[in-house]
Amino acid sequence: MRRITDDRAESEEVASGVYLADLAAGERASMKHWRVEPGATLPVHRHDNEQIGYMIQGTLTAITEDEEITLEPGDSYLFTAGELHGAENRGDEPAVGIGVLSPPRSDPDWKQS
């Protein structure tokens, strides 16, 4: 068994105000801890991975081709493989959550240097 806690995971800024940290990963799925600071935007993108997640703290506006949905603590979400999506933190506190991608993914295609 491999154990990784969110305080041991190294967080990396992948876009302005958007942070990702690798948690546990296997052959079929990977888990990410993410944080989006107030006013920050996760770029709209799509990928071949199915993505499910869970909101821990703050609020986040998920943006898809057809709608905007506010996610709050306790909400879970699903983006199907190939679905266009992004997010904005329009609140006053960091939005924090966990995302699981299948198949596993390391760096996102939209990562900014």
PDB file of N, CA and C in Angstrom:
ATOM      1  N   MET A   1       0.845  -1.181   0.000  1.00  0.00           N
ATOM      2  CA  MET A   1       0.000   0.000   0.000  1.00  0.00           C
ATOM      3  C   MET A   1       0.890   1.244   0.000  1.00  0.00           C
ATOM      4  N   ARG A   2       0.446   2.238  -0.721  1.00  0.00           N
ATOM      5  CA  ARG A   2       1.147   3.527  -0.754  1.00  0.00           C
ATOM      6  C   ARG A   2       0.236   4.575  -0.135  1.00  0.00           C
ATOM      7  N   ARG A   3       0.754   5.355   0.808  1.00  0.00           N
ATOM      8  CA  ARG A   3      -0.044   6.381   1.482  1.00  0.00           C
ATOM      9  C   ARG A   3       0.578   7.741   1.207  1.00  0.00           C
ATOM     10  N   ILE A   4      -0.257   8.679   0.746  1.00  0.00           N
ATOM     11  CA  ILE A   4       0.187  10.045   0.505  1.00  0.00           C
ATOM     12  C   ILE A   4      -0.836  10.975   1.143  1.00  0.00           C
ATOM     13  N   THR A   5      -0.392  11.877   1.994  1.00  0.00           N
ATOM     14  CA  THR A   5      -1.292  12.846   2.600  1.00  0.00           C
ATOM     15  C   THR A   5      -1.173  14.168   1.862  1.00  0.00           C
ATOM     16  N   ASP A   6      -2.229  14.970   1.906  1.00  0.00           N
ATOM     17  CA  ASP A   6      -2.187  16.228   1.150  1.00  0.00           C
ATOM     18  C   ASP A   6      -1.129  17.189   1.676  1.00  0.00           C
ATOM     19  N   ASP A   7      -0.703  17.055   2.932  1.00  0.00           N
ATOM     20  CA  ASP A   7       0.355  17.939   3.418  1.00  0.00           C
ATOM     21  C   ASP A   7       1.746  17.485   2.965  1.00  0.00           C
ATOM     22  N   ARG A   8       1.872  16.245   2.473  1.00  0.00           N
ATOM     23  CA  ARG A   8       3.152  15.754   1.943  1.00  0.00           C
ATOM     24  C   ARG A   8       3.248  15.940   0.431  1.00  0.00           C
ATOM     25  N   ALA A   9       2.109  16.109  -0.228  1.00  0.00           N
ATOM     26  CA  ALA A   9       2.099  16.244  -1.683  1.00  0.00           C
ATOM     27  C   ALA A   9       2.627  17.621  -2.081  1.00  0.00           C
ATOM     28  N   GLU A  10       3.504  17.645  -3.077  1.00  0.00           N
ATOM     29  CA  GLU A  10       4.054  18.913  -3.561  1.00  0.00           C
ATOM     30  C   GLU A  10       3.074  19.585  -4.499  1.00  0.00           C
ATOM     31  N   SER A  11       2.674  20.800  -4.154  1.00  0.00           N
ATOM     32  CA  SER A  11       1.739  21.561  -4.962  1.00  0.00           C
ATOM     33  C   SER A  11       2.516  22.381  -5.985  1.00  0.00           C
ATOM     34  N   GLU A  12       2.017  22.420  -7.217  1.00  0.00           N
ATOM     35  CA  GLU A  12       2.664  23.172  -8.293  1.00  0.00           C
ATOM     36  C   GLU A  12       1.653  24.129  -8.915  1.00  0.00           C
ATOM     37  N   GLU A  13       2.066  25.379  -9.135  1.00  0.00           N
ATOM     38  CA  GLU A  13       1.191  26.343  -9.799  1.00  0.00           C
ATOM     39  C   GLU A  13       1.214  26.046 -11.289  1.00  0.00           C
ATOM     40  N   VAL A  14       0.068  25.602 -11.830  1.00  0.00           N
ATOM     41  CA  VAL A  14      -0.017  25.191 -13.236  1.00  0.00           C
ATOM     42  C   VAL A  14      -0.647  26.258 -14.117  1.00  0.00           C
ATOM     43  N   ALA A  15      -1.298  27.214 -13.514  1.00  0.00           N
ATOM     44  CA  ALA A  15      -1.818  28.423 -14.166  1.00  0.00           C
ATOM     45  C   ALA A  15      -1.884  29.456 -13.052  1.00  0.00           C
ATOM     46  N   SER A  16      -2.003  30.707 -13.387  1.00  0.00           N
ATOM     47  CA  SER A  16      -1.990  31.756 -12.372  1.00  0.00           C
ATOM     48  C   SER A  16      -3.075  31.513 -11.322  1.00  0.00           C
ATOM     49  N   GLY A  17      -2.654  31.217 -10.080  1.00  0.00           N
ATOM     50  CA  GLY A  17      -3.591  30.989  -8.990  1.00  0.00           C
ATOM     51  C   GLY A  17      -4.220  29.614  -8.955  1.00  0.00           C
ATOM     52  N   VAL A  18      -3.759  28.690  -9.812  1.00  0.00           N
ATOM     53  CA  VAL A  18      -4.303  27.322  -9.868  1.00  0.00           C
ATOM     54  C   VAL A  18      -3.181  26.354  -9.505  1.00  0.00           C
ATOM     55  N   TYR A  19      -3.406  25.542  -8.474  1.00  0.00           N
ATOM     56  CA  TYR A  19      -2.381  24.641  -7.965  1.00  0.00           C
ATOM     57  C   TYR A  19      -2.858  23.196  -8.007  1.00  0.00           C
ATOM     58  N   LEU A  20      -1.969  22.297  -8.417  1.00  0.00           N
ATOM     59  CA  LEU A  20      -2.245  20.862  -8.443  1.00  0.00           C
ATOM     60  C   LEU A  20      -1.157  20.132  -7.680  1.00  0.00           C
ATOM     61  N   ALA A  21      -1.552  19.073  -6.998  1.00  0.00           N
ATOM     62  CA  ALA A  21      -0.602  18.194  -6.320  1.00  0.00           C
ATOM     63  C   ALA A  21      -1.009  16.758  -6.610  1.00  0.00           C
ATOM     64  N   ASP A  22      -0.023  15.917  -6.925  1.00  0.00           N
ATOM     65  CA  ASP A  22      -0.282  14.506  -7.168  1.00  0.00           C
ATOM     66  C   ASP A  22      -0.494  13.794  -5.843  1.00  0.00           C
ATOM     67  N   LEU A  23      -1.562  13.031  -5.759  1.00  0.00           N
ATOM     68  CA  LEU A  23      -1.800  12.164  -4.612  1.00  0.00           C
ATOM     69  C   LEU A  23      -1.562  10.733  -5.085  1.00  0.00           C
ATOM     70  N   ALA A  24      -2.352   9.804  -4.661  1.00  0.00           N
ATOM     71  CA  ALA A  24      -2.156   8.411  -5.049  1.00  0.00           C
ATOM     72  C   ALA A  24      -2.460   8.216  -6.534  1.00  0.00           C
ATOM     73  N   ALA A  25      -1.727   7.287  -7.157  1.00  0.00           N
ATOM     74  CA  ALA A  25      -1.950   6.954  -8.569  1.00  0.00           C
ATOM     75  C   ALA A  25      -1.693   5.472  -8.759  1.00  0.00           C
ATOM     76  N   GLY A  26      -2.465   4.902  -9.663  1.00  0.00           N
ATOM     77  CA  GLY A  26      -2.287   3.501 -10.007  1.00  0.00           C
ATOM     78  C   GLY A  26      -2.201   3.348 -11.510  1.00  0.00           C
ATOM     79  N   GLU A  27      -2.394   2.153 -11.980  1.00  0.00           N
ATOM     80  CA  GLU A  27      -2.329   1.895 -13.419  1.00  0.00           C
ATOM     81  C   GLU A  27      -3.552   2.403 -14.157  1.00  0.00           C
ATOM     82  N   ARG A  28      -4.696   2.538 -13.473  1.00  0.00           N
ATOM     83  CA  ARG A  28      -5.942   2.899 -14.149  1.00  0.00           C
ATOM     84  C   ARG A  28      -6.511   4.255 -13.762  1.00  0.00           C
ATOM     85  N   ALA A  29      -5.995   4.863 -12.697  1.00  0.00           N
ATOM     86  CA  ALA A  29      -6.518   6.161 -12.256  1.00  0.00           C
ATOM     87  C   ALA A  29      -5.454   6.907 -11.459  1.00  0.00           C
ATOM     88  N   SER A  30      -5.580   8.245 -11.451  1.00  0.00           N
ATOM     89  CA  SER A  30      -4.702   9.084 -10.631  1.00  0.00           C
ATOM     90  C   SER A  30      -5.562  10.097  -9.889  1.00  0.00           C
ATOM     91  N   MET A  31      -5.093  10.486  -8.699  1.00  0.00           N
ATOM     92  CA  MET A  31      -5.827  11.424  -7.865  1.00  0.00           C
ATOM     93  C   MET A  31      -5.005  12.699  -7.692  1.00  0.00           C
ATOM     94  N   LYS A  32      -5.692  13.835  -7.805  1.00  0.00           N
ATOM     95  CA  LYS A  32      -5.058  15.150  -7.665  1.00  0.00           C
ATOM     96  C   LYS A  32      -5.732  15.924  -6.541  1.00  0.00           C
ATOM     97  N   HIS A  33      -4.936  16.667  -5.788  1.00  0.00           N
ATOM     98  CA  HIS A  33      -5.447  17.656  -4.848  1.00  0.00           C
ATOM     99  C   HIS A  33      -5.320  18.985  -5.586  1.00  0.00           C
ATOM    100  N   TRP A  34      -6.388  19.770  -5.646  1.00  0.00           N
ATOM    101  CA  TRP A  34      -6.316  21.021  -6.379  1.00  0.00           C
ATOM    102  C   TRP A  34      -6.788  22.195  -5.517  1.00  0.00           C
ATOM    103  N   ARG A  35      -6.275  23.376  -5.850  1.00  0.00           N
ATOM    104  CA  ARG A  35      -6.670  24.611  -5.179  1.00  0.00           C
ATOM    105  C   ARG A  35      -6.724  25.715  -6.229  1.00  0.00           C
ATOM    106  N   VAL A  36      -7.818  26.460  -6.225  1.00  0.00           N
ATOM    107  CA  VAL A  36      -7.991  27.590  -7.136  1.00  0.00           C
ATOM    108  C   VAL A  36      -8.208  28.830  -6.270  1.00  0.00           C
ATOM    109  N   GLU A  37      -7.286  29.767  -6.357  1.00  0.00           N
ATOM    110  CA  GLU A  37      -7.342  30.971  -5.528  1.00  0.00           C
ATOM    111  C   GLU A  37      -8.469  31.903  -5.995  1.00  0.00           C
ATOM    112  N   PRO A  38      -8.962  32.783  -5.099  1.00  0.00           N
ATOM    113  CA  PRO A  38      -9.999  33.742  -5.491  1.00  0.00           C
ATOM    114  C   PRO A  38      -9.567  34.543  -6.722  1.00  0.00           C
ATOM    115  N   GLY A  39     -10.464  34.652  -7.687  1.00  0.00           N
ATOM    116  CA  GLY A  39     -10.192  35.393  -8.915  1.00  0.00           C
ATOM    117  C   GLY A  39      -9.457  34.603  -9.985  1.00  0.00           C
ATOM    118  N   ALA A  40      -8.997  33.402  -9.668  1.00  0.00           N
ATOM    119  CA  ALA A  40      -8.229  32.600 -10.639  1.00  0.00           C
ATOM    120  C   ALA A  40      -9.158  31.795 -11.547  1.00  0.00           C
ATOM    121  N   THR A  41      -8.623  31.464 -12.718  1.00  0.00           N
ATOM    122  CA  THR A  41      -9.373  30.714 -13.726  1.00  0.00           C
ATOM    123  C   THR A  41      -8.601  29.474 -14.147  1.00  0.00           C
ATOM    124  N   LEU A  42      -9.271  28.346 -14.133  1.00  0.00           N
ATOM    125  CA  LEU A  42      -8.740  27.107 -14.698  1.00  0.00           C
ATOM    126  C   LEU A  42      -9.123  27.144 -16.172  1.00  0.00           C
ATOM    127  N   PRO A  43      -8.157  27.177 -17.079  1.00  0.00           N
ATOM    128  CA  PRO A  43      -8.470  27.336 -18.504  1.00  0.00           C
ATOM    129  C   PRO A  43      -9.446  26.271 -19.023  1.00  0.00           C
ATOM    130  N   VAL A  44     -10.311  26.694 -19.942  1.00  0.00           N
ATOM    131  CA  VAL A  44     -11.237  25.758 -20.582  1.00  0.00           C
ATOM    132  C   VAL A  44     -10.421  24.803 -21.444  1.00  0.00           C
ATOM    133  N   HIS A  45     -10.711  23.518 -21.320  1.00  0.00           N
ATOM    134  CA  HIS A  45      -9.930  22.487 -22.021  1.00  0.00           C
ATOM    135  C   HIS A  45     -10.755  21.204 -22.126  1.00  0.00           C
ATOM    136  N   ARG A  46     -10.204  20.237 -22.791  1.00  0.00           N
ATOM    137  CA  ARG A  46     -10.799  18.895 -22.830  1.00  0.00           C
ATOM    138  C   ARG A  46      -9.663  17.889 -22.844  1.00  0.00           C
ATOM    139  N   HIS A  47      -9.962  16.675 -22.411  1.00  0.00           N
ATOM    140  CA  HIS A  47      -8.959  15.604 -22.398  1.00  0.00           C
ATOM    141  C   HIS A  47      -9.663  14.262 -22.526  1.00  0.00           C
ATOM    142  N   ASP A  48      -8.885  13.253 -22.818  1.00  0.00           N
ATOM    143  CA  ASP A  48      -9.424  11.915 -23.029  1.00  0.00           C
ATOM    144  C   ASP A  48      -9.734  11.184 -21.727  1.00  0.00           C
ATOM    145  N   ASN A  49      -9.388  11.792 -20.592  1.00  0.00           N
ATOM    146  CA  ASN A  49      -9.618  11.170 -19.292  1.00  0.00           C
ATOM    147  C   ASN A  49     -11.028  11.455 -18.797  1.00  0.00           C
ATOM    148  N   GLU A  50     -11.659  10.463 -18.185  1.00  0.00           N
ATOM    149  CA  GLU A  50     -12.864  10.716 -17.414  1.00  0.00           C
ATOM    150  C   GLU A  50     -12.391  11.365 -16.109  1.00  0.00           C
ATOM    151  N   GLN A  51     -13.120  12.356 -15.610  1.00  0.00           N
ATOM    152  CA  GLN A  51     -12.691  13.069 -14.408  1.00  0.00           C
ATOM    153  C   GLN A  51     -13.853  13.197 -13.439  1.00  0.00           C
ATOM    154  N   ILE A  52     -13.659  12.685 -12.236  1.00  0.00           N
ATOM    155  CA  ILE A  52     -14.635  12.864 -11.173  1.00  0.00           C
ATOM    156  C   ILE A  52     -13.951  13.604 -10.035  1.00  0.00           C
ATOM    157  N   GLY A  53     -14.709  14.309  -9.224  1.00  0.00           N
ATOM    158  CA  GLY A  53     -14.091  15.060  -8.148  1.00  0.00           C
ATOM    159  C   GLY A  53     -15.041  15.363  -7.023  1.00  0.00           C
ATOM    160  N   TYR A  54     -14.461  15.983  -5.989  1.00  0.00           N
ATOM    161  CA  TYR A  54     -15.202  16.297  -4.774  1.00  0.00           C
ATOM    162  C   TYR A  54     -14.721  17.641  -4.230  1.00  0.00           C
ATOM    163  N   MET A  55     -15.660  18.527  -3.927  1.00  0.00           N
ATOM    164  CA  MET A  55     -15.366  19.848  -3.372  1.00  0.00           C
ATOM    165  C   MET A  55     -15.199  19.753  -1.859  1.00  0.00           C
ATOM    166  N   ILE A  56     -14.088  20.313  -1.360  1.00  0.00           N
ATOM    167  CA  ILE A  56     -13.810  20.298   0.069  1.00  0.00           C
ATOM    168  C   ILE A  56     -14.085  21.662   0.699  1.00  0.00           C
ATOM    169  N   GLN A  57     -13.680  22.735   0.015  1.00  0.00           N
ATOM    170  CA  GLN A  57     -13.742  24.080   0.604  1.00  0.00           C
ATOM    171  C   GLN A  57     -14.014  25.106  -0.480  1.00  0.00           C
ATOM    172  N   GLY A  58     -14.680  26.198  -0.119  1.00  0.00           N
ATOM    173  CA  GLY A  58     -14.912  27.310  -1.036  1.00  0.00           C
ATOM    174  C   GLY A  58     -15.993  26.999  -2.056  1.00  0.00           C
ATOM    175  N   THR A  59     -16.107  27.873  -3.038  1.00  0.00           N
ATOM    176  CA  THR A  59     -17.031  27.648  -4.148  1.00  0.00           C
ATOM    177  C   THR A  59     -16.261  27.810  -5.450  1.00  0.00           C
ATOM    178  N   LEU A  60     -16.729  27.112  -6.467  1.00  0.00           N
ATOM    179  CA  LEU A  60     -16.079  27.135  -7.771  1.00  0.00           C
ATOM    180  C   LEU A  60     -17.169  27.098  -8.830  1.00  0.00           C
ATOM    181  N   THR A  61     -17.046  27.922  -9.844  1.00  0.00           N
ATOM    182  CA  THR A  61     -17.997  27.898 -10.953  1.00  0.00           C
ATOM    183  C   THR A  61     -17.404  27.046 -12.060  1.00  0.00           C
ATOM    184  N   ALA A  62     -18.016  25.892 -12.305  1.00  0.00           N
ATOM    185  CA  ALA A  62     -17.598  25.008 -13.395  1.00  0.00           C
ATOM    186  C   ALA A  62     -18.225  25.529 -14.679  1.00  0.00           C
ATOM    187  N   ILE A  63     -17.426  25.576 -15.732  1.00  0.00           N
ATOM    188  CA  ILE A  63     -17.870  26.108 -17.022  1.00  0.00           C
ATOM    189  C   ILE A  63     -17.784  24.995 -18.058  1.00  0.00           C
ATOM    190  N   THR A  64     -18.911  24.725 -18.724  1.00  0.00           N
ATOM    191  CA  THR A  64     -18.939  23.744 -19.808  1.00  0.00           C
ATOM    192  C   THR A  64     -19.402  24.462 -21.073  1.00  0.00           C
ATOM    193  N   GLU A  65     -19.556  23.723 -22.156  1.00  0.00           N
ATOM    194  CA  GLU A  65     -20.024  24.340 -23.403  1.00  0.00           C
ATOM    195  C   GLU A  65     -21.406  24.940 -23.252  1.00  0.00           C
ATOM    196  N   ASP A  66     -22.246  24.319 -22.409  1.00  0.00           N
ATOM    197  CA  ASP A  66     -23.653  24.698 -22.345  1.00  0.00           C
ATOM    198  C   ASP A  66     -24.088  25.431 -21.086  1.00  0.00           C
ATOM    199  N   GLU A  67     -23.281  25.374 -20.022  1.00  0.00           N
ATOM    200  CA  GLU A  67     -23.763  25.942 -18.774  1.00  0.00           C
ATOM    201  C   GLU A  67     -22.629  26.268 -17.803  1.00  0.00           C
ATOM    202  N   GLU A  68     -23.008  26.998 -16.749  1.00  0.00           N
ATOM    203  CA  GLU A  68     -22.130  27.266 -15.619  1.00  0.00           C
ATOM    204  C   GLU A  68     -22.821  26.704 -14.388  1.00  0.00           C
ATOM    205  N   ILE A  69     -22.068  25.974 -13.572  1.00  0.00           N
ATOM    206  CA  ILE A  69     -22.631  25.332 -12.390  1.00  0.00           C
ATOM    207  C   ILE A  69     -21.763  25.687 -11.192  1.00  0.00           C
ATOM    208  N   THR A  70     -22.380  26.174 -10.111  1.00  0.00           N
ATOM    209  CA  THR A  70     -21.646  26.488  -8.892  1.00  0.00           C
ATOM    210  C   THR A  70     -21.474  25.224  -8.068  1.00  0.00           C
ATOM    211  N   LEU A  71     -20.228  24.924  -7.737  1.00  0.00           N
ATOM    212  CA  LEU A  71     -19.896  23.775  -6.895  1.00  0.00           C
ATOM    213  C   LEU A  71     -19.545  24.272  -5.505  1.00  0.00           C
ATOM    214  N   GLU A  72     -20.085  23.595  -4.487  1.00  0.00           N
ATOM    215  CA  GLU A  72     -19.864  23.964  -3.094  1.00  0.00           C
ATOM    216  C   GLU A  72     -19.347  22.758  -2.320  1.00  0.00           C
ATOM    217  N   PRO A  73     -18.819  22.976  -1.100  1.00  0.00           N
ATOM    218  CA  PRO A  73     -18.328  21.846  -0.309  1.00  0.00           C
ATOM    219  C   PRO A  73     -19.392  20.748  -0.177  1.00  0.00           C
ATOM    220  N   GLY A  74     -18.953  19.521  -0.394  1.00  0.00           N
ATOM    221  CA  GLY A  74     -19.857  18.377  -0.349  1.00  0.00           C
ATOM    222  C   GLY A  74     -20.374  17.961  -1.713  1.00  0.00           C
ATOM    223  N   ASP A  75     -20.185  18.815  -2.732  1.00  0.00           N
ATOM    224  CA  ASP A  75     -20.616  18.466  -4.084  1.00  0.00           C
ATOM    225  C   ASP A  75     -19.570  17.569  -4.743  1.00  0.00           C
ATOM    226  N   SER A  76     -20.045  16.622  -5.535  1.00  0.00           N
ATOM    227  CA  SER A  76     -19.148  15.863  -6.404  1.00  0.00           C
ATOM    228  C   SER A  76     -19.516  16.203  -7.841  1.00  0.00           C
ATOM    229  N   TYR A  77     -18.606  15.899  -8.762  1.00  0.00           N
ATOM    230  CA  TYR A  77     -18.838  16.256 -10.158  1.00  0.00           C
ATOM    231  C   TYR A  77     -18.228  15.209 -11.076  1.00  0.00           C
ATOM    232  N   LEU A  78     -18.677  15.229 -12.319  1.00  0.00           N
ATOM    233  CA  LEU A  78     -18.160  14.338 -13.356  1.00  0.00           C
ATOM    234  C   LEU A  78     -18.019  15.118 -14.651  1.00  0.00           C
ATOM    235  N   PHE A  79     -16.840  15.033 -15.259  1.00  0.00           N
ATOM    236  CA  PHE A  79     -16.627  15.487 -16.633  1.00  0.00           C
ATOM    237  C   PHE A  79     -16.313  14.226 -17.421  1.00  0.00           C
ATOM    238  N   THR A  80     -17.115  13.961 -18.442  1.00  0.00           N
ATOM    239  CA  THR A  80     -16.878  12.769 -19.252  1.00  0.00           C
ATOM    240  C   THR A  80     -15.657  12.994 -20.142  1.00  0.00           C
ATOM    241  N   ALA A  81     -15.078  11.926 -20.628  1.00  0.00           N
ATOM    242  CA  ALA A  81     -13.930  12.015 -21.534  1.00  0.00           C
ATOM    243  C   ALA A  81     -14.315  12.865 -22.738  1.00  0.00           C
ATOM    244  N   GLY A  82     -13.492  13.845 -23.066  1.00  0.00           N
ATOM    245  CA  GLY A  82     -13.739  14.704 -24.229  1.00  0.00           C
ATOM    246  C   GLY A  82     -14.640  15.894 -23.954  1.00  0.00           C
ATOM    247  N   GLU A  83     -15.229  15.998 -22.757  1.00  0.00           N
ATOM    248  CA  GLU A  83     -16.130  17.113 -22.453  1.00  0.00           C
ATOM    249  C   GLU A  83     -15.333  18.404 -22.217  1.00  0.00           C
ATOM    250  N   LEU A  84     -15.726  19.481 -22.889  1.00  0.00           N
ATOM    251  CA  LEU A  84     -15.095  20.781 -22.716  1.00  0.00           C
ATOM    252  C   LEU A  84     -15.475  21.332 -21.338  1.00  0.00           C
ATOM    253  N   HIS A  85     -14.462  21.765 -20.549  1.00  0.00           N
ATOM    254  CA  HIS A  85     -14.739  22.284 -19.215  1.00  0.00           C
ATOM    255  C   HIS A  85     -13.600  23.163 -18.717  1.00  0.00           C
ATOM    256  N   GLY A  86     -13.918  23.993 -17.769  1.00  0.00           N
ATOM    257  CA  GLY A  86     -12.968  24.858 -17.086  1.00  0.00           C
ATOM    258  C   GLY A  86     -13.631  25.304 -15.803  1.00  0.00           C
ATOM    259  N   ALA A  87     -13.026  26.263 -15.095  1.00  0.00           N
ATOM    260  CA  ALA A  87     -13.619  26.720 -13.838  1.00  0.00           C
ATOM    261  C   ALA A  87     -13.077  28.088 -13.465  1.00  0.00           C
ATOM    262  N   GLU A  88     -13.864  28.811 -12.671  1.00  0.00           N
ATOM    263  CA  GLU A  88     -13.452  30.105 -12.139  1.00  0.00           C
ATOM    264  C   GLU A  88     -13.801  30.157 -10.661  1.00  0.00           C
ATOM    265  N   ASN A  89     -12.904  30.747  -9.880  1.00  0.00           N
ATOM    266  CA  ASN A  89     -13.208  30.996  -8.478  1.00  0.00           C
ATOM    267  C   ASN A  89     -13.681  32.432  -8.377  1.00  0.00           C
ATOM    268  N   ARG A  90     -14.975  32.601  -8.231  1.00  0.00           N
ATOM    269  CA  ARG A  90     -15.569  33.936  -8.126  1.00  0.00           C
ATOM    270  C   ARG A  90     -15.812  34.323  -6.674  1.00  0.00           C
ATOM    271  N   GLY A  91     -15.350  33.485  -5.745  1.00  0.00           N
ATOM    272  CA  GLY A  91     -15.565  33.721  -4.328  1.00  0.00           C
ATOM    273  C   GLY A  91     -14.415  34.466  -3.672  1.00  0.00           C
ATOM    274  N   ASP A  92     -14.470  34.524  -2.337  1.00  0.00           N
ATOM    275  CA  ASP A  92     -13.488  35.259  -1.539  1.00  0.00           C
ATOM    276  C   ASP A  92     -12.468  34.369  -0.850  1.00  0.00           C
ATOM    277  N   GLU A  93     -12.600  33.054  -0.993  1.00  0.00           N
ATOM    278  CA  GLU A  93     -11.662  32.128  -0.364  1.00  0.00           C
ATOM    279  C   GLU A  93     -11.214  31.087  -1.388  1.00  0.00           C
ATOM    280  N   PRO A  94     -10.091  30.434  -1.123  1.00  0.00           N
ATOM    281  CA  PRO A  94      -9.640  29.398  -2.060  1.00  0.00           C
ATOM    282  C   PRO A  94     -10.684  28.291  -2.202  1.00  0.00           C
ATOM    283  N   ALA A  95     -10.813  27.787  -3.410  1.00  0.00           N
ATOM    284  CA  ALA A  95     -11.637  26.602  -3.670  1.00  0.00           C
ATOM    285  C   ALA A  95     -10.677  25.418  -3.659  1.00  0.00           C
ATOM    286  N   VAL A  96     -11.025  24.371  -2.907  1.00  0.00           N
ATOM    287  CA  VAL A  96     -10.144  23.226  -2.733  1.00  0.00           C
ATOM    288  C   VAL A  96     -10.931  21.954  -2.970  1.00  0.00           C
ATOM    289  N   GLY A  97     -10.305  20.995  -3.642  1.00  0.00           N
ATOM    290  CA  GLY A  97     -10.982  19.731  -3.892  1.00  0.00           C
ATOM    291  C   GLY A  97     -10.027  18.630  -4.293  1.00  0.00           C
ATOM    292  N   ILE A  98     -10.611  17.506  -4.604  1.00  0.00           N
ATOM    293  CA  ILE A  98      -9.902  16.310  -5.036  1.00  0.00           C
ATOM    294  C   ILE A  98     -10.466  15.919  -6.395  1.00  0.00           C
ATOM    295  N   GLY A  99      -9.595  15.562  -7.335  1.00  0.00           N
ATOM    296  CA  GLY A  99     -10.019  15.079  -8.645  1.00  0.00           C
ATOM    297  C   GLY A  99      -9.374  13.739  -8.948  1.00  0.00           C
ATOM    298  N   VAL A 100     -10.134  12.868  -9.582  1.00  0.00           N
ATOM    299  CA  VAL A 100      -9.631  11.552  -9.983  1.00  0.00           C
ATOM    300  C   VAL A 100      -9.776  11.443 -11.492  1.00  0.00           C
ATOM    301  N   LEU A 101      -8.684  11.073 -12.155  1.00  0.00           N
ATOM    302  CA  LEU A 101      -8.677  10.948 -13.611  1.00  0.00           C
ATOM    303  C   LEU A 101      -8.392   9.511 -14.018  1.00  0.00           C
ATOM    304  N   SER A 102      -9.175   9.032 -14.975  1.00  0.00           N
ATOM    305  CA  SER A 102      -8.976   7.688 -15.503  1.00  0.00           C
ATOM    306  C   SER A 102      -9.061   7.751 -17.023  1.00  0.00           C
ATOM    307  N   PRO A 103      -8.019   7.276 -17.707  1.00  0.00           N
ATOM    308  CA  PRO A 103      -6.761   6.750 -17.198  1.00  0.00           C
ATOM    309  C   PRO A 103      -5.952   7.843 -16.505  1.00  0.00           C
ATOM    310  N   PRO A 104      -4.879   7.453 -15.803  1.00  0.00           N
ATOM    311  CA  PRO A 104      -4.076   8.426 -15.064  1.00  0.00           C
ATOM    312  C   PRO A 104      -3.526   9.521 -15.981  1.00  0.00           C
ATOM    313  N   ARG A 105      -3.303  10.687 -15.382  1.00  0.00           N
ATOM    314  CA  ARG A 105      -2.702  11.801 -16.114  1.00  0.00           C
ATOM    315  C   ARG A 105      -1.680  12.465 -15.211  1.00  0.00           C
ATOM    316  N   SER A 106      -0.575  12.897 -15.813  1.00  0.00           N
ATOM    317  CA  SER A 106       0.416  13.645 -15.019  1.00  0.00           C
ATOM    318  C   SER A 106       0.151  15.126 -15.200  1.00  0.00           C
ATOM    319  N   ASP A 107       0.912  15.827 -16.007  1.00  0.00           N
ATOM    320  CA  ASP A 107       0.710  17.256 -16.212  1.00  0.00           C
ATOM    321  C   ASP A 107      -0.442  17.524 -17.183  1.00  0.00           C
ATOM    322  N   PRO A 108      -1.258  18.527 -16.887  1.00  0.00           N
ATOM    323  CA  PRO A 108      -2.335  18.871 -17.833  1.00  0.00           C
ATOM    324  C   PRO A 108      -1.781  19.522 -19.088  1.00  0.00           C
ATOM    325  N   ASP A 109      -2.473  19.333 -20.200  1.00  0.00           N
ATOM    326  CA  ASP A 109      -2.064  19.943 -21.475  1.00  0.00           C
ATOM    327  C   ASP A 109      -2.079  21.469 -21.403  1.00  0.00           C
ATOM    328  N   TRP A 110      -2.932  22.026 -20.567  1.00  0.00           N
ATOM    329  CA  TRP A 110      -3.108  23.471 -20.488  1.00  0.00           C
ATOM    330  C   TRP A 110      -2.145  24.128 -19.494  1.00  0.00           C
ATOM    331  N   LYS A 111      -1.247  23.367 -18.911  1.00  0.00           N
ATOM    332  CA  LYS A 111      -0.301  23.897 -17.930  1.00  0.00           C
ATOM    333  C   LYS A 111       0.490  25.057 -18.521  1.00  0.00           C
ATOM    334  N   GLN A 112       0.584  26.141 -17.765  1.00  0.00           N
ATOM    335  CA  GLN A 112       1.354  27.311 -18.188  1.00  0.00           C
ATOM    336  C   GLN A 112       2.713  27.274 -17.534  1.00  0.00           C
ATOM    337  N   SER A 113       3.737  27.721 -18.221  1.00  0.00           N
ATOM    338  CA  SER A 113       5.096  27.689 -17.680  1.00  0.00           C
ATOM    339  C   SER A 113       5.314  28.746 -16.645  1.00  0.00           C
TER     340      SER A 113
END
